Amino acid sequence: MEAIRYVRIPRLGGHDLVFVSFVILGIISIIPFFENLMQVLKLSGRSMAEIYFDRQGTVIDTRAHMSSLGKFLNGITTWFQYILPIGVFYLIQQKKRWYWVVLAAFGAVNPVLLDMLFGGRGALFQSFCVFFLII
């Protein structure tokens, strides 16, 4: 029987590099999260349906409502949208403080908010599938 080999994760400032990476991604996602959340709170069910039908066959800028910094940071968050849910569960599993978990959750929820703003229904379903597969 072969012995189990453990992988040592590099450390940075007393924390492992994975933890630091998810915290940085969480901090990056704060501004886009709140800009998207403010827009989602202004929507009603009727306006969401109108946006969906207006979007059919046209190309629209989904980040037009955001500031230039928000657009840039949202782009970075979008690059990592599939590993941020993993980060949420990693931080929970590592028993990190709740505010670190919330930071990672901002990044995980941000693509869903952005897609909801423009009539997309698939992002919510996709996020549930990703979270289900991670659990």
N, C-alpha and C. Protein backbone atom coordinates (compact mmCIF):
# COMPACT_ATOMS: atom_id res chain seq x y z
N MET A 1 0.84 -1.18 0.00
CA MET A 1 0.00 0.00 0.00
C MET A 1 0.89 1.24 0.00
N GLU A 2 0.54 2.16 -0.85
CA GLU A 2 1.34 3.38 -0.99
C GLU A 2 0.93 4.41 0.06
N ALA A 3 1.90 5.12 0.57
CA ALA A 3 1.65 6.14 1.60
C ALA A 3 0.96 7.35 0.97
N ILE A 4 0.11 7.99 1.76
CA ILE A 4 -0.58 9.20 1.30
C ILE A 4 0.40 10.36 1.35
N ARG A 5 0.44 11.11 0.25
CA ARG A 5 1.34 12.26 0.18
C ARG A 5 0.50 13.53 0.28
N TYR A 6 0.92 14.41 1.12
CA TYR A 6 0.22 15.68 1.30
C TYR A 6 0.92 16.77 0.52
N VAL A 7 0.12 17.67 0.01
CA VAL A 7 0.66 18.81 -0.72
C VAL A 7 0.70 19.99 0.25
N ARG A 8 1.83 20.62 0.34
CA ARG A 8 1.97 21.78 1.22
C ARG A 8 1.65 23.03 0.42
N ILE A 9 0.71 23.81 0.92
CA ILE A 9 0.30 25.04 0.26
C ILE A 9 1.21 26.16 0.72
N PRO A 10 1.76 26.94 -0.22
CA PRO A 10 2.64 28.05 0.18
C PRO A 10 1.91 29.04 1.09
N ARG A 11 2.65 29.67 1.98
CA ARG A 11 2.08 30.61 2.93
C ARG A 11 2.54 32.03 2.61
N LEU A 12 1.67 32.98 2.91
CA LEU A 12 1.98 34.38 2.67
C LEU A 12 1.43 35.16 3.86
N GLY A 13 2.32 35.74 4.64
CA GLY A 13 1.91 36.55 5.78
C GLY A 13 1.13 35.77 6.83
N GLY A 14 1.48 34.54 7.07
CA GLY A 14 0.80 33.74 8.08
C GLY A 14 -0.44 33.02 7.59
N HIS A 15 -0.86 33.26 6.35
CA HIS A 15 -2.04 32.60 5.78
C HIS A 15 -1.60 31.84 4.53
N ASP A 16 -2.35 30.78 4.22
CA ASP A 16 -2.01 30.06 2.99
C ASP A 16 -2.38 30.90 1.77
N LEU A 17 -1.71 30.64 0.68
CA LEU A 17 -1.86 31.43 -0.53
C LEU A 17 -3.28 31.33 -1.11
N VAL A 18 -3.94 30.21 -0.94
CA VAL A 18 -5.30 30.04 -1.43
C VAL A 18 -6.24 31.00 -0.69
N PHE A 19 -6.11 31.07 0.62
CA PHE A 19 -6.92 31.98 1.43
C PHE A 19 -6.70 33.42 0.99
N VAL A 20 -5.46 33.82 0.84
CA VAL A 20 -5.14 35.20 0.43
C VAL A 20 -5.72 35.49 -0.95
N SER A 21 -5.67 34.53 -1.86
CA SER A 21 -6.21 34.72 -3.21
C SER A 21 -7.71 34.97 -3.16
N PHE A 22 -8.44 34.17 -2.38
CA PHE A 22 -9.89 34.35 -2.30
C PHE A 22 -10.26 35.66 -1.61
N VAL A 23 -9.48 36.07 -0.64
CA VAL A 23 -9.75 37.35 0.02
C VAL A 23 -9.52 38.51 -0.96
N ILE A 24 -8.46 38.45 -1.74
CA ILE A 24 -8.20 39.50 -2.73
C ILE A 24 -9.31 39.55 -3.77
N LEU A 25 -9.76 38.39 -4.25
CA LEU A 25 -10.86 38.35 -5.21
C LEU A 25 -12.15 38.88 -4.58
N GLY A 26 -12.34 38.61 -3.30
CA GLY A 26 -13.52 39.14 -2.61
C GLY A 26 -13.48 40.65 -2.49
N ILE A 27 -12.32 41.19 -2.18
CA ILE A 27 -12.17 42.64 -2.08
C ILE A 27 -12.39 43.30 -3.43
N ILE A 28 -11.88 42.67 -4.49
CA ILE A 28 -12.07 43.20 -5.84
C ILE A 28 -13.55 43.22 -6.22
N SER A 29 -14.32 42.28 -5.71
CA SER A 29 -15.72 42.17 -6.12
C SER A 29 -16.68 43.04 -5.31
N ILE A 30 -16.21 43.78 -4.32
CA ILE A 30 -17.11 44.58 -3.48
C ILE A 30 -17.82 45.68 -4.29
N ILE A 31 -17.07 46.47 -5.03
CA ILE A 31 -17.66 47.59 -5.77
C ILE A 31 -18.63 47.09 -6.84
N PRO A 32 -18.24 46.12 -7.70
CA PRO A 32 -19.21 45.64 -8.70
C PRO A 32 -20.45 45.01 -8.07
N PHE A 33 -20.28 44.31 -6.95
CA PHE A 33 -21.42 43.68 -6.28
C PHE A 33 -22.44 44.72 -5.86
N PHE A 34 -22.00 45.78 -5.20
CA PHE A 34 -22.95 46.78 -4.72
C PHE A 34 -23.54 47.61 -5.87
N GLU A 35 -22.78 47.85 -6.93
CA GLU A 35 -23.35 48.55 -8.09
C GLU A 35 -24.43 47.70 -8.74
N ASN A 36 -24.18 46.41 -8.89
CA ASN A 36 -25.19 45.52 -9.47
C ASN A 36 -26.38 45.35 -8.54
N LEU A 37 -26.13 45.23 -7.25
CA LEU A 37 -27.22 45.05 -6.29
C LEU A 37 -28.14 46.26 -6.28
N MET A 38 -27.59 47.46 -6.34
CA MET A 38 -28.43 48.66 -6.36
C MET A 38 -29.33 48.68 -7.60
N GLN A 39 -28.82 48.22 -8.74
CA GLN A 39 -29.63 48.18 -9.95
C GLN A 39 -30.69 47.09 -9.87
N VAL A 40 -30.35 45.93 -9.30
CA VAL A 40 -31.32 44.84 -9.17
C VAL A 40 -32.47 45.25 -8.25
N LEU A 41 -32.16 45.98 -7.18
CA LEU A 41 -33.20 46.40 -6.25
C LEU A 41 -34.18 47.40 -6.88
N LYS A 42 -33.76 48.07 -7.94
CA LYS A 42 -34.63 49.01 -8.63
C LYS A 42 -35.55 48.33 -9.64
N LEU A 43 -35.29 47.07 -9.95
CA LEU A 43 -36.07 46.36 -10.96
C LEU A 43 -37.35 45.79 -10.38
N SER A 44 -38.32 45.63 -11.26
CA SER A 44 -39.54 44.90 -10.91
C SER A 44 -39.65 43.71 -11.86
N GLY A 45 -40.56 42.84 -11.61
CA GLY A 45 -40.74 41.67 -12.49
C GLY A 45 -41.09 42.08 -13.91
N ARG A 46 -41.91 43.12 -14.04
CA ARG A 46 -42.31 43.59 -15.36
C ARG A 46 -41.12 44.14 -16.14
N SER A 47 -40.30 44.94 -15.46
CA SER A 47 -39.16 45.53 -16.16
C SER A 47 -38.13 44.46 -16.54
N MET A 48 -38.02 43.40 -15.72
CA MET A 48 -37.11 42.32 -16.07
C MET A 48 -37.57 41.61 -17.34
N ALA A 49 -38.88 41.40 -17.48
CA ALA A 49 -39.41 40.77 -18.68
C ALA A 49 -39.21 41.67 -19.90
N GLU A 50 -39.41 42.98 -19.72
CA GLU A 50 -39.21 43.91 -20.82
C GLU A 50 -37.75 43.93 -21.27
N ILE A 51 -36.84 43.88 -20.33
CA ILE A 51 -35.42 43.86 -20.66
C ILE A 51 -35.09 42.60 -21.46
N TYR A 52 -35.66 41.47 -21.04
CA TYR A 52 -35.41 40.21 -21.73
C TYR A 52 -35.86 40.29 -23.19
N PHE A 53 -37.06 40.81 -23.42
CA PHE A 53 -37.57 40.89 -24.79
C PHE A 53 -36.86 41.96 -25.60
N ASP A 54 -36.43 43.04 -24.98
CA ASP A 54 -35.66 44.07 -25.67
C ASP A 54 -34.30 43.54 -26.10
N ARG A 55 -33.77 42.61 -25.33
CA ARG A 55 -32.44 42.07 -25.59
C ARG A 55 -32.42 41.10 -26.77
N GLN A 56 -33.54 40.55 -27.13
CA GLN A 56 -33.61 39.57 -28.20
C GLN A 56 -33.11 40.16 -29.52
N GLY A 57 -32.08 39.56 -30.05
CA GLY A 57 -31.56 39.96 -31.35
C GLY A 57 -30.70 41.19 -31.35
N THR A 58 -30.41 41.77 -30.21
CA THR A 58 -29.56 42.96 -30.16
C THR A 58 -28.36 42.70 -29.26
N VAL A 59 -27.35 43.50 -29.44
CA VAL A 59 -26.17 43.42 -28.60
C VAL A 59 -26.19 44.64 -27.69
N ILE A 60 -26.16 44.40 -26.38
CA ILE A 60 -26.19 45.50 -25.42
C ILE A 60 -24.99 45.38 -24.49
N ASP A 61 -24.62 46.50 -23.92
CA ASP A 61 -23.53 46.53 -22.95
C ASP A 61 -24.12 46.24 -21.58
N THR A 62 -23.80 45.07 -21.04
CA THR A 62 -24.39 44.66 -19.77
C THR A 62 -23.83 45.42 -18.59
N ARG A 63 -22.73 46.14 -18.80
CA ARG A 63 -22.12 46.88 -17.69
C ARG A 63 -22.26 48.39 -17.86
N ALA A 64 -23.24 48.83 -18.65
CA ALA A 64 -23.40 50.26 -18.92
C ALA A 64 -23.77 51.04 -17.66
N HIS A 65 -24.41 50.42 -16.71
CA HIS A 65 -24.85 51.11 -15.49
C HIS A 65 -23.72 51.28 -14.47
N MET A 66 -22.57 50.70 -14.74
CA MET A 66 -21.48 50.69 -13.76
C MET A 66 -20.50 51.83 -14.00
N SER A 67 -19.78 52.18 -12.94
CA SER A 67 -18.70 53.16 -13.07
C SER A 67 -17.53 52.50 -13.81
N SER A 68 -16.57 53.31 -14.23
CA SER A 68 -15.44 52.73 -14.96
C SER A 68 -14.64 51.78 -14.07
N LEU A 69 -14.47 52.11 -12.80
CA LEU A 69 -13.79 51.21 -11.88
C LEU A 69 -14.60 49.93 -11.67
N GLY A 70 -15.92 50.08 -11.56
CA GLY A 70 -16.80 48.93 -11.40
C GLY A 70 -16.73 48.00 -12.60
N LYS A 71 -16.69 48.58 -13.81
CA LYS A 71 -16.57 47.76 -15.02
C LYS A 71 -15.28 46.98 -15.03
N PHE A 72 -14.18 47.64 -14.69
CA PHE A 72 -12.88 46.98 -14.69
C PHE A 72 -12.84 45.85 -13.66
N LEU A 73 -13.28 46.14 -12.44
CA LEU A 73 -13.27 45.13 -11.38
C LEU A 73 -14.25 44.01 -11.66
N ASN A 74 -15.38 44.33 -12.29
CA ASN A 74 -16.34 43.29 -12.66
C ASN A 74 -15.74 42.35 -13.70
N GLY A 75 -14.93 42.89 -14.60
CA GLY A 75 -14.25 42.04 -15.58
C GLY A 75 -13.31 41.05 -14.91
N ILE A 76 -12.59 41.51 -13.91
CA ILE A 76 -11.68 40.61 -13.18
C ILE A 76 -12.49 39.54 -12.44
N THR A 77 -13.57 39.96 -11.79
CA THR A 77 -14.42 39.01 -11.07
C THR A 77 -15.00 37.97 -12.03
N THR A 78 -15.37 38.40 -13.22
CA THR A 78 -15.94 37.48 -14.20
C THR A 78 -14.93 36.43 -14.64
N TRP A 79 -13.67 36.78 -14.71
CA TRP A 79 -12.64 35.79 -15.07
C TRP A 79 -12.60 34.64 -14.08
N PHE A 80 -12.90 34.92 -12.82
CA PHE A 80 -12.79 33.92 -11.76
C PHE A 80 -14.16 33.45 -11.25
N GLN A 81 -15.21 33.62 -12.05
CA GLN A 81 -16.56 33.33 -11.57
C GLN A 81 -16.79 31.86 -11.25
N TYR A 82 -15.99 30.96 -11.80
CA TYR A 82 -16.20 29.54 -11.54
C TYR A 82 -15.40 29.02 -10.35
N ILE A 83 -14.39 29.75 -9.92
CA ILE A 83 -13.65 29.30 -8.74
C ILE A 83 -14.07 30.03 -7.47
N LEU A 84 -14.78 31.15 -7.60
CA LEU A 84 -15.23 31.87 -6.41
C LEU A 84 -16.23 31.06 -5.56
N PRO A 85 -17.16 30.30 -6.16
CA PRO A 85 -18.00 29.44 -5.31
C PRO A 85 -17.17 28.39 -4.55
N ILE A 86 -16.13 27.90 -5.19
CA ILE A 86 -15.23 26.97 -4.50
C ILE A 86 -14.59 27.67 -3.32
N GLY A 87 -14.23 28.94 -3.51
CA GLY A 87 -13.63 29.72 -2.43
C GLY A 87 -14.55 29.88 -1.24
N VAL A 88 -15.85 30.06 -1.51
CA VAL A 88 -16.81 30.18 -0.41
C VAL A 88 -16.78 28.93 0.45
N PHE A 89 -16.85 27.77 -0.19
CA PHE A 89 -16.86 26.52 0.57
C PHE A 89 -15.49 26.19 1.17
N TYR A 90 -14.43 26.63 0.51
CA TYR A 90 -13.09 26.43 1.07
C TYR A 90 -12.94 27.22 2.37
N LEU A 91 -13.40 28.46 2.36
CA LEU A 91 -13.29 29.28 3.56
C LEU A 91 -14.19 28.77 4.68
N ILE A 92 -15.36 28.26 4.32
CA ILE A 92 -16.23 27.65 5.33
C ILE A 92 -15.56 26.42 5.93
N GLN A 93 -14.98 25.59 5.07
CA GLN A 93 -14.34 24.35 5.52
C GLN A 93 -13.12 24.64 6.38
N GLN A 94 -12.42 25.72 6.09
CA GLN A 94 -11.24 26.09 6.87
C GLN A 94 -11.62 26.80 8.17
N LYS A 95 -12.92 26.97 8.38
CA LYS A 95 -13.45 27.63 9.59
C LYS A 95 -12.89 29.04 9.75
N LYS A 96 -12.86 29.76 8.63
CA LYS A 96 -12.43 31.16 8.66
C LYS A 96 -13.57 32.02 9.18
N ARG A 97 -13.26 33.22 9.57
CA ARG A 97 -14.27 34.13 10.11
C ARG A 97 -15.34 34.42 9.05
N TRP A 98 -16.53 34.75 9.50
CA TRP A 98 -17.67 34.92 8.61
C TRP A 98 -17.46 36.02 7.58
N TYR A 99 -16.73 37.08 7.92
CA TYR A 99 -16.57 38.18 6.96
C TYR A 99 -15.70 37.78 5.78
N TRP A 100 -14.78 36.82 5.95
CA TRP A 100 -14.00 36.34 4.81
C TRP A 100 -14.91 35.52 3.88
N VAL A 101 -15.81 34.77 4.46
CA VAL A 101 -16.76 33.98 3.66
C VAL A 101 -17.69 34.90 2.89
N VAL A 102 -18.14 35.98 3.54
CA VAL A 102 -19.02 36.94 2.87
C VAL A 102 -18.30 37.62 1.72
N LEU A 103 -17.03 37.95 1.89
CA LEU A 103 -16.26 38.55 0.79
C LEU A 103 -16.23 37.63 -0.43
N ALA A 104 -15.95 36.36 -0.21
CA ALA A 104 -15.92 35.41 -1.33
C ALA A 104 -17.32 35.25 -1.93
N ALA A 105 -18.34 35.33 -1.09
CA ALA A 105 -19.72 35.20 -1.58
C ALA A 105 -20.10 36.39 -2.48
N PHE A 106 -19.58 37.58 -2.17
CA PHE A 106 -19.83 38.73 -3.06
C PHE A 106 -19.40 38.40 -4.49
N GLY A 107 -18.23 37.83 -4.62
CA GLY A 107 -17.73 37.48 -5.94
C GLY A 107 -18.52 36.37 -6.60
N ALA A 108 -19.01 35.42 -5.80
CA ALA A 108 -19.76 34.30 -6.35
C ALA A 108 -21.15 34.72 -6.81
N VAL A 109 -21.75 35.70 -6.14
CA VAL A 109 -23.11 36.13 -6.45
C VAL A 109 -23.12 37.21 -7.53
N ASN A 110 -22.03 37.92 -7.70
CA ASN A 110 -21.97 39.04 -8.63
C ASN A 110 -22.37 38.67 -10.07
N PRO A 111 -21.88 37.58 -10.68
CA PRO A 111 -22.32 37.25 -12.04
C PRO A 111 -23.82 36.97 -12.14
N VAL A 112 -24.40 36.44 -11.09
CA VAL A 112 -25.84 36.18 -11.08
C VAL A 112 -26.60 37.50 -11.11
N LEU A 113 -26.18 38.47 -10.30
CA LEU A 113 -26.83 39.78 -10.28
C LEU A 113 -26.74 40.46 -11.64
N LEU A 114 -25.56 40.39 -12.24
CA LEU A 114 -25.36 41.04 -13.54
C LEU A 114 -26.25 40.41 -14.59
N ASP A 115 -26.39 39.09 -14.57
CA ASP A 115 -27.23 38.43 -15.56
C ASP A 115 -28.71 38.71 -15.31
N MET A 116 -29.10 38.83 -14.05
CA MET A 116 -30.49 39.15 -13.74
C MET A 116 -30.86 40.55 -14.25
N LEU A 117 -29.90 41.45 -14.24
CA LEU A 117 -30.17 42.81 -14.72
C LEU A 117 -30.57 42.85 -16.18
N PHE A 118 -30.12 41.88 -16.94
CA PHE A 118 -30.35 41.93 -18.38
C PHE A 118 -31.15 40.74 -18.87
N GLY A 119 -32.06 40.29 -18.04
CA GLY A 119 -33.04 39.30 -18.48
C GLY A 119 -32.52 37.89 -18.59
N GLY A 120 -31.32 37.62 -18.13
CA GLY A 120 -30.80 36.26 -18.21
C GLY A 120 -31.34 35.39 -17.09
N ARG A 121 -31.84 34.24 -17.45
CA ARG A 121 -32.35 33.33 -16.44
C ARG A 121 -31.39 32.18 -16.19
N GLY A 122 -30.45 32.01 -17.08
CA GLY A 122 -29.56 30.86 -16.99
C GLY A 122 -28.50 30.96 -15.92
N ALA A 123 -28.09 32.16 -15.56
CA ALA A 123 -27.01 32.32 -14.58
C ALA A 123 -27.43 31.83 -13.21
N LEU A 124 -28.66 32.06 -12.83
CA LEU A 124 -29.14 31.59 -11.53
C LEU A 124 -29.14 30.06 -11.49
N PHE A 125 -29.66 29.44 -12.54
CA PHE A 125 -29.67 27.98 -12.62
C PHE A 125 -28.25 27.43 -12.65
N GLN A 126 -27.39 28.06 -13.42
CA GLN A 126 -25.99 27.63 -13.50
C GLN A 126 -25.30 27.74 -12.15
N SER A 127 -25.57 28.80 -11.41
CA SER A 127 -24.96 28.96 -10.09
C SER A 127 -25.44 27.89 -9.12
N PHE A 128 -26.74 27.57 -9.18
CA PHE A 128 -27.24 26.49 -8.32
C PHE A 128 -26.55 25.18 -8.65
N CYS A 129 -26.35 24.92 -9.94
CA CYS A 129 -25.68 23.69 -10.35
C CYS A 129 -24.24 23.66 -9.85
N VAL A 130 -23.52 24.77 -9.97
CA VAL A 130 -22.14 24.84 -9.51
C VAL A 130 -22.07 24.63 -8.01
N PHE A 131 -22.93 25.30 -7.25
CA PHE A 131 -22.94 25.14 -5.81
C PHE A 131 -23.30 23.70 -5.42
N PHE A 132 -24.25 23.11 -6.14
CA PHE A 132 -24.64 21.73 -5.85
C PHE A 132 -23.49 20.76 -6.11
N LEU A 133 -22.75 20.97 -7.19
CA LEU A 133 -21.63 20.09 -7.50
C LEU A 133 -20.48 20.26 -6.52
N ILE A 134 -20.31 21.46 -5.98
CA ILE A 134 -19.24 21.71 -5.02
C ILE A 134 -19.57 21.05 -3.69
N ILE A 135 -20.82 21.08 -3.30
CA ILE A 135 -21.21 20.49 -2.01
C ILE A 135 -20.98 19.01 -2.11
